[in-house]
Amino acid sequence: MSEADSEYLDALEDAINKQRELRDKENEWNELATKEKKLSLLQRDTSGANAKEVAQLEQEVQDDREKLLDESIDNVVDNLKELYEKQKEARDLEIEYMEDVTENAQYFNDWARSIMASWTSTEIMQDWFL
């Protein structure tokens, strides 16, 4: 029971951490969108008064995009690795189960053969069934 509780708590902690990561990512994407809107407004100014701020904001937007896209790609790769590990665990458990079934089937096959080998006459066989 303790192992099941521990696994449940670990899964719950993972779910909470993933939820927090998603919230943080959403905030980062929202901040990028805000910067892009501000940049768009500043670029409409044709006087050149905001040229330095526009250049700085363009660089921030580009850096933020690259960072978010890189993190997204890393997240996809990490999720694929996690999926692979879970599939590997499932395959290993399936193989273990099939080996157990085969082993048990072999045991019962040997047991049945030993019983049938002990039957030397029809009467002994009938007595065994009754």
Foldseek 3Di string as FASTA:
>chain_A
DVVVVVVVVVVVVVVVVVVVVVVVLVVLVVVLVVLVVVLVVVVVDPPCPCVVVNVVSVVVSVVSVVVSVVVVVVVVVVVVVVVVVVVVVVVVVVVVVVVVVVVVVVVVVVVVVVVVVPDPDPVVVVVVVD
